[in-house]
Amino acid sequence: IAEDAPSADVEIDLAEQLVTAPNFQAHFPIDPFEKHRLANGLDQIALTLQHADAIDAYEADRPGFKPVLTD
């Protein structure tokens, strides 16, 4: 289809997992976690920062004798 009309508009609906183009429509599978990441614009750092409170709590209870990274 893309070869027949390379300039045709193609719409990708992530929420519905649907690709639509002129004279074409198809559902596509996607891993739920990857769908969540794409829908929310989350990269690896953003995913980690979602747990900032738990990380801070862990660091607060970390024994003082363990090494610490500083700038």
PDB file of N, CA and C in Angstrom:
ATOM      1  N   ILE A   1       0.824  -1.181   0.000  1.00  0.00           N
ATOM      2  CA  ILE A   1       0.000   0.000   0.000  1.00  0.00           C
ATOM      3  C   ILE A   1       0.873   1.250   0.000  1.00  0.00           C
ATOM      4  N   ALA A   2       1.909   1.289   0.830  1.00  0.00           N
ATOM      5  CA  ALA A   2       2.795   2.448   0.886  1.00  0.00           C
ATOM      6  C   ALA A   2       3.506   2.661  -0.443  1.00  0.00           C
ATOM      7  N   GLU A   3       3.808   1.596  -1.134  1.00  0.00           N
ATOM      8  CA  GLU A   3       4.460   1.726  -2.435  1.00  0.00           C
ATOM      9  C   GLU A   3       3.523   2.358  -3.465  1.00  0.00           C
ATOM     10  N   ASP A   4       2.225   2.133  -3.333  1.00  0.00           N
ATOM     11  CA  ASP A   4       1.251   2.686  -4.275  1.00  0.00           C
ATOM     12  C   ASP A   4       1.011   4.174  -4.044  1.00  0.00           C
ATOM     13  N   ALA A   5       1.153   4.622  -2.817  1.00  0.00           N
ATOM     14  CA  ALA A   5       0.897   6.029  -2.482  1.00  0.00           C
ATOM     15  C   ALA A   5       1.862   6.471  -1.388  1.00  0.00           C
ATOM     16  N   PRO A   6       3.141   6.680  -1.724  1.00  0.00           N
ATOM     17  CA  PRO A   6       4.139   6.988  -0.699  1.00  0.00           C
ATOM     18  C   PRO A   6       3.897   8.292   0.055  1.00  0.00           C
ATOM     19  N   SER A   7       3.095   9.206  -0.498  1.00  0.00           N
ATOM     20  CA  SER A   7       2.835  10.469   0.195  1.00  0.00           C
ATOM     21  C   SER A   7       1.498  10.455   0.944  1.00  0.00           C
ATOM     22  N   ALA A   8       0.835   9.323   0.991  1.00  0.00           N
ATOM     23  CA  ALA A   8      -0.460   9.228   1.678  1.00  0.00           C
ATOM     24  C   ALA A   8      -0.280   9.403   3.182  1.00  0.00           C
ATOM     25  N   ASP A   9      -1.258  10.034   3.800  1.00  0.00           N
ATOM     26  CA  ASP A   9      -1.251  10.184   5.254  1.00  0.00           C
ATOM     27  C   ASP A   9      -1.559   8.845   5.914  1.00  0.00           C
ATOM     28  N   VAL A  10      -0.802   8.549   6.955  1.00  0.00           N
ATOM     29  CA  VAL A  10      -1.012   7.342   7.738  1.00  0.00           C
ATOM     30  C   VAL A  10      -1.220   7.779   9.174  1.00  0.00           C
ATOM     31  N   GLU A  11      -2.266   7.279   9.798  1.00  0.00           N
ATOM     32  CA  GLU A  11      -2.563   7.613  11.190  1.00  0.00           C
ATOM     33  C   GLU A  11      -2.332   6.383  12.049  1.00  0.00           C
ATOM     34  N   ILE A  12      -1.616   6.593  13.152  1.00  0.00           N
ATOM     35  CA  ILE A  12      -1.382   5.518  14.108  1.00  0.00           C
ATOM     36  C   ILE A  12      -2.053   5.912  15.414  1.00  0.00           C
ATOM     37  N   ASP A  13      -3.035   5.137  15.819  1.00  0.00           N
ATOM     38  CA  ASP A  13      -3.773   5.373  17.052  1.00  0.00           C
ATOM     39  C   ASP A  13      -3.256   4.368  18.081  1.00  0.00           C
ATOM     40  N   LEU A  14      -2.401   4.852  18.959  1.00  0.00           N
ATOM     41  CA  LEU A  14      -1.790   3.964  19.951  1.00  0.00           C
ATOM     42  C   LEU A  14      -2.830   3.430  20.933  1.00  0.00           C
ATOM     43  N   ALA A  15      -3.723   4.285  21.366  1.00  0.00           N
ATOM     44  CA  ALA A  15      -4.735   3.858  22.343  1.00  0.00           C
ATOM     45  C   ALA A  15      -5.580   2.703  21.807  1.00  0.00           C
ATOM     46  N   GLU A  16      -5.958   2.799  20.540  1.00  0.00           N
ATOM     47  CA  GLU A  16      -6.779   1.754  19.923  1.00  0.00           C
ATOM     48  C   GLU A  16      -5.941   0.700  19.216  1.00  0.00           C
ATOM     49  N   GLN A  17      -4.632   0.926  19.149  1.00  0.00           N
ATOM     50  CA  GLN A  17      -3.705   0.022  18.462  1.00  0.00           C
ATOM     51  C   GLN A  17      -4.167  -0.216  17.026  1.00  0.00           C
ATOM     52  N   LEU A  18      -4.332   0.898  16.318  1.00  0.00           N
ATOM     53  CA  LEU A  18      -4.910   0.860  14.990  1.00  0.00           C
ATOM     54  C   LEU A  18      -4.107   1.740  14.033  1.00  0.00           C
ATOM     55  N   VAL A  19      -3.773   1.189  12.870  1.00  0.00           N
ATOM     56  CA  VAL A  19      -3.127   1.929  11.791  1.00  0.00           C
ATOM     57  C   VAL A  19      -4.180   2.150  10.712  1.00  0.00           C
ATOM     58  N   THR A  20      -4.303   3.425  10.287  1.00  0.00           N
ATOM     59  CA  THR A  20      -5.281   3.760   9.261  1.00  0.00           C
ATOM     60  C   THR A  20      -4.595   4.546   8.148  1.00  0.00           C
ATOM     61  N   ALA A  21      -4.840   4.144   6.934  1.00  0.00           N
ATOM     62  CA  ALA A  21      -4.353   4.824   5.731  1.00  0.00           C
ATOM     63  C   ALA A  21      -5.474   4.732   4.701  1.00  0.00           C
ATOM     64  N   PRO A  22      -5.338   5.468   3.594  1.00  0.00           N
ATOM     65  CA  PRO A  22      -6.378   5.344   2.572  1.00  0.00           C
ATOM     66  C   PRO A  22      -6.562   3.876   2.152  1.00  0.00           C
ATOM     67  N   ASN A  23      -7.770   3.416   2.228  1.00  0.00           N
ATOM     68  CA  ASN A  23      -8.134   2.043   1.823  1.00  0.00           C
ATOM     69  C   ASN A  23      -7.433   0.964   2.639  1.00  0.00           C
ATOM     70  N   PHE A  24      -7.050   1.290   3.869  1.00  0.00           N
ATOM     71  CA  PHE A  24      -6.352   0.300   4.692  1.00  0.00           C
ATOM     72  C   PHE A  24      -6.593   0.613   6.161  1.00  0.00           C
ATOM     73  N   GLN A  25      -6.812  -0.429   6.933  1.00  0.00           N
ATOM     74  CA  GLN A  25      -6.941  -0.293   8.379  1.00  0.00           C
ATOM     75  C   GLN A  25      -6.552  -1.623   9.005  1.00  0.00           C
ATOM     76  N   ALA A  26      -5.718  -1.561  10.035  1.00  0.00           N
ATOM     77  CA  ALA A  26      -5.297  -2.798  10.696  1.00  0.00           C
ATOM     78  C   ALA A  26      -4.945  -2.523  12.151  1.00  0.00           C
ATOM     79  N   HIS A  27      -5.276  -3.479  13.000  1.00  0.00           N
ATOM     80  CA  HIS A  27      -4.861  -3.428  14.398  1.00  0.00           C
ATOM     81  C   HIS A  27      -3.451  -3.995  14.510  1.00  0.00           C
ATOM     82  N   PHE A  28      -2.727  -3.529  15.511  1.00  0.00           N
ATOM     83  CA  PHE A  28      -1.381  -4.038  15.732  1.00  0.00           C
ATOM     84  C   PHE A  28      -1.192  -4.382  17.203  1.00  0.00           C
ATOM     85  N   PRO A  29      -0.410  -5.408  17.480  1.00  0.00           N
ATOM     86  CA  PRO A  29      -0.137  -5.771  18.874  1.00  0.00           C
ATOM     87  C   PRO A  29       0.989  -4.902  19.436  1.00  0.00           C
ATOM     88  N   ILE A  30       0.932  -4.653  20.723  1.00  0.00           N
ATOM     89  CA  ILE A  30       2.016  -3.945  21.401  1.00  0.00           C
ATOM     90  C   ILE A  30       2.013  -4.372  22.860  1.00  0.00           C
ATOM     91  N   ASP A  31       3.187  -4.543  23.405  1.00  0.00           N
ATOM     92  CA  ASP A  31       3.341  -4.893  24.809  1.00  0.00           C
ATOM     93  C   ASP A  31       2.711  -3.786  25.674  1.00  0.00           C
ATOM     94  N   PRO A  32       1.915  -4.133  26.675  1.00  0.00           N
ATOM     95  CA  PRO A  32       1.256  -3.115  27.501  1.00  0.00           C
ATOM     96  C   PRO A  32       2.236  -2.129  28.156  1.00  0.00           C
ATOM     97  N   PHE A  33       3.379  -2.614  28.589  1.00  0.00           N
ATOM     98  CA  PHE A  33       4.359  -1.719  29.211  1.00  0.00           C
ATOM     99  C   PHE A  33       4.909  -0.732  28.194  1.00  0.00           C
ATOM    100  N   GLU A  34       5.230  -1.194  26.995  1.00  0.00           N
ATOM    101  CA  GLU A  34       5.736  -0.311  25.949  1.00  0.00           C
ATOM    102  C   GLU A  34       4.660   0.690  25.521  1.00  0.00           C
ATOM    103  N   LYS A  35       3.418   0.253  25.499  1.00  0.00           N
ATOM    104  CA  LYS A  35       2.309   1.150  25.175  1.00  0.00           C
ATOM    105  C   LYS A  35       2.222   2.262  26.219  1.00  0.00           C
ATOM    106  N   HIS A  36       2.340   1.906  27.480  1.00  0.00           N
ATOM    107  CA  HIS A  36       2.322   2.884  28.576  1.00  0.00           C
ATOM    108  C   HIS A  36       3.465   3.883  28.422  1.00  0.00           C
ATOM    109  N   ARG A  37       4.653   3.371  28.136  1.00  0.00           N
ATOM    110  CA  ARG A  37       5.816   4.250  27.960  1.00  0.00           C
ATOM    111  C   ARG A  37       5.604   5.231  26.819  1.00  0.00           C
ATOM    112  N   LEU A  38       5.164   4.736  25.672  1.00  0.00           N
ATOM    113  CA  LEU A  38       4.958   5.603  24.514  1.00  0.00           C
ATOM    114  C   LEU A  38       3.851   6.623  24.766  1.00  0.00           C
ATOM    115  N   ALA A  39       2.750   6.185  25.338  1.00  0.00           N
ATOM    116  CA  ALA A  39       1.614   7.073  25.578  1.00  0.00           C
ATOM    117  C   ALA A  39       1.956   8.189  26.551  1.00  0.00           C
ATOM    118  N   ASN A  40       2.896   7.930  27.451  1.00  0.00           N
ATOM    119  CA  ASN A  40       3.255   8.905  28.472  1.00  0.00           C
ATOM    120  C   ASN A  40       4.611   9.560  28.244  1.00  0.00           C
ATOM    121  N   GLY A  41       5.241   9.238  27.126  1.00  0.00           N
ATOM    122  CA  GLY A  41       6.532   9.862  26.799  1.00  0.00           C
ATOM    123  C   GLY A  41       7.623   9.552  27.802  1.00  0.00           C
ATOM    124  N   LEU A  42       7.655   8.327  28.289  1.00  0.00           N
ATOM    125  CA  LEU A  42       8.604   7.950  29.339  1.00  0.00           C
ATOM    126  C   LEU A  42       9.829   7.249  28.772  1.00  0.00           C
ATOM    127  N   ASP A  43      11.008   7.818  29.063  1.00  0.00           N
ATOM    128  CA  ASP A  43      12.245   7.117  28.738  1.00  0.00           C
ATOM    129  C   ASP A  43      12.731   6.417  30.006  1.00  0.00           C
ATOM    130  N   GLN A  44      13.901   5.824  29.967  1.00  0.00           N
ATOM    131  CA  GLN A  44      14.398   5.065  31.117  1.00  0.00           C
ATOM    132  C   GLN A  44      14.577   5.954  32.354  1.00  0.00           C
ATOM    133  N   ILE A  45      15.033   7.175  32.164  1.00  0.00           N
ATOM    134  CA  ILE A  45      15.220   8.087  33.300  1.00  0.00           C
ATOM    135  C   ILE A  45      13.872   8.466  33.901  1.00  0.00           C
ATOM    136  N   ALA A  46      12.912   8.798  33.064  1.00  0.00           N
ATOM    137  CA  ALA A  46      11.585   9.164  33.564  1.00  0.00           C
ATOM    138  C   ALA A  46      10.933   8.005  34.313  1.00  0.00           C
ATOM    139  N   LEU A  47      11.148   6.785  33.832  1.00  0.00           N
ATOM    140  CA  LEU A  47      10.609   5.619  34.536  1.00  0.00           C
ATOM    141  C   LEU A  47      11.227   5.493  35.925  1.00  0.00           C
ATOM    142  N   THR A  48      12.526   5.724  35.998  1.00  0.00           N
ATOM    143  CA  THR A  48      13.218   5.666  37.287  1.00  0.00           C
ATOM    144  C   THR A  48      12.717   6.759  38.222  1.00  0.00           C
ATOM    145  N   LEU A  49      12.547   7.963  37.695  1.00  0.00           N
ATOM    146  CA  LEU A  49      12.121   9.085  38.530  1.00  0.00           C
ATOM    147  C   LEU A  49      10.694   8.934  39.048  1.00  0.00           C
ATOM    148  N   GLN A  50       9.916   8.042  38.461  1.00  0.00           N
ATOM    149  CA  GLN A  50       8.584   7.765  39.006  1.00  0.00           C
ATOM    150  C   GLN A  50       8.686   7.155  40.401  1.00  0.00           C
ATOM    151  N   HIS A  51       9.865   6.637  40.734  1.00  0.00           N
ATOM    152  CA  HIS A  51      10.082   5.994  42.024  1.00  0.00           C
ATOM    153  C   HIS A  51      10.985   6.840  42.921  1.00  0.00           C
ATOM    154  N   ALA A  52      11.025   8.146  42.679  1.00  0.00           N
ATOM    155  CA  ALA A  52      11.926   9.040  43.414  1.00  0.00           C
ATOM    156  C   ALA A  52      11.704   8.970  44.926  1.00  0.00           C
ATOM    157  N   ASP A  53      10.451   8.898  45.373  1.00  0.00           N
ATOM    158  CA  ASP A  53      10.181   8.838  46.817  1.00  0.00           C
ATOM    159  C   ASP A  53      10.770   7.572  47.433  1.00  0.00           C
ATOM    160  N   ALA A  54      10.611   6.440  46.764  1.00  0.00           N
ATOM    161  CA  ALA A  54      11.158   5.179  47.276  1.00  0.00           C
ATOM    162  C   ALA A  54      12.687   5.210  47.253  1.00  0.00           C
ATOM    163  N   ILE A  55      13.261   5.796  46.230  1.00  0.00           N
ATOM    164  CA  ILE A  55      14.733   5.906  46.153  1.00  0.00           C
ATOM    165  C   ILE A  55      15.240   6.792  47.273  1.00  0.00           C
ATOM    166  N   ASP A  56      14.590   7.937  47.500  1.00  0.00           N
ATOM    167  CA  ASP A  56      14.995   8.836  48.584  1.00  0.00           C
ATOM    168  C   ASP A  56      14.884   8.152  49.946  1.00  0.00           C
ATOM    169  N   ALA A  57      13.808   7.383  50.152  1.00  0.00           N
ATOM    170  CA  ALA A  57      13.631   6.673  51.426  1.00  0.00           C
ATOM    171  C   ALA A  57      14.731   5.640  51.615  1.00  0.00           C
ATOM    172  N   TYR A  58      15.078   4.929  50.564  1.00  0.00           N
ATOM    173  CA  TYR A  58      16.154   3.949  50.631  1.00  0.00           C
ATOM    174  C   TYR A  58      17.471   4.635  50.975  1.00  0.00           C
ATOM    175  N   GLU A  59      17.773   5.719  50.294  1.00  0.00           N
ATOM    176  CA  GLU A  59      19.031   6.437  50.539  1.00  0.00           C
ATOM    177  C   GLU A  59      19.083   7.006  51.951  1.00  0.00           C
ATOM    178  N   ALA A  60      17.945   7.432  52.479  1.00  0.00           N
ATOM    179  CA  ALA A  60      17.907   7.987  53.835  1.00  0.00           C
ATOM    180  C   ALA A  60      18.228   6.926  54.881  1.00  0.00           C
ATOM    181  N   ASP A  61      17.859   5.671  54.608  1.00  0.00           N
ATOM    182  CA  ASP A  61      18.101   4.577  55.554  1.00  0.00           C
ATOM    183  C   ASP A  61      19.402   3.830  55.276  1.00  0.00           C
ATOM    184  N   ARG A  62      20.129   4.244  54.274  1.00  0.00           N
ATOM    185  CA  ARG A  62      21.355   3.563  53.875  1.00  0.00           C
ATOM    186  C   ARG A  62      22.416   3.737  54.963  1.00  0.00           C
ATOM    187  N   PRO A  63      23.056   2.644  55.352  1.00  0.00           N
ATOM    188  CA  PRO A  63      24.100   2.754  56.405  1.00  0.00           C
ATOM    189  C   PRO A  63      25.226   3.706  55.976  1.00  0.00           C
ATOM    190  N   GLY A  64      25.708   4.482  56.923  1.00  0.00           N
ATOM    191  CA  GLY A  64      26.724   5.492  56.658  1.00  0.00           C
ATOM    192  C   GLY A  64      28.062   4.925  56.226  1.00  0.00           C
ATOM    193  N   PHE A  65      28.338   3.657  56.550  1.00  0.00           N
ATOM    194  CA  PHE A  65      29.639   3.089  56.204  1.00  0.00           C
ATOM    195  C   PHE A  65      29.742   2.689  54.728  1.00  0.00           C
ATOM    196  N   LYS A  66      28.626   2.674  54.026  1.00  0.00           N
ATOM    197  CA  LYS A  66      28.659   2.298  52.606  1.00  0.00           C
ATOM    198  C   LYS A  66      29.110   3.506  51.774  1.00  0.00           C
ATOM    199  N   PRO A  67      29.824   3.225  50.676  1.00  0.00           N
ATOM    200  CA  PRO A  67      30.326   4.335  49.852  1.00  0.00           C
ATOM    201  C   PRO A  67      29.195   5.145  49.212  1.00  0.00           C
ATOM    202  N   VAL A  68      29.491   6.413  48.974  1.00  0.00           N
ATOM    203  CA  VAL A  68      28.532   7.333  48.378  1.00  0.00           C
ATOM    204  C   VAL A  68      29.178   7.983  47.174  1.00  0.00           C
ATOM    205  N   LEU A  69      28.435   8.091  46.076  1.00  0.00           N
ATOM    206  CA  LEU A  69      28.937   8.794  44.901  1.00  0.00           C
ATOM    207  C   LEU A  69      28.622  10.273  45.033  1.00  0.00           C
ATOM    208  N   THR A  70      29.599  11.117  44.773  1.00  0.00           N
ATOM    209  CA  THR A  70      29.377  12.558  44.793  1.00  0.00           C
ATOM    210  C   THR A  70      29.858  13.154  43.489  1.00  0.00           C
ATOM    211  N   ASP A  71      29.417  14.363  43.221  1.00  0.00           N
ATOM    212  CA  ASP A  71      29.836  15.054  41.994  1.00  0.00           C
ATOM    213  C   ASP A  71      31.282  15.497  42.074  1.00  0.00           C
TER     214      ASP A  71
END
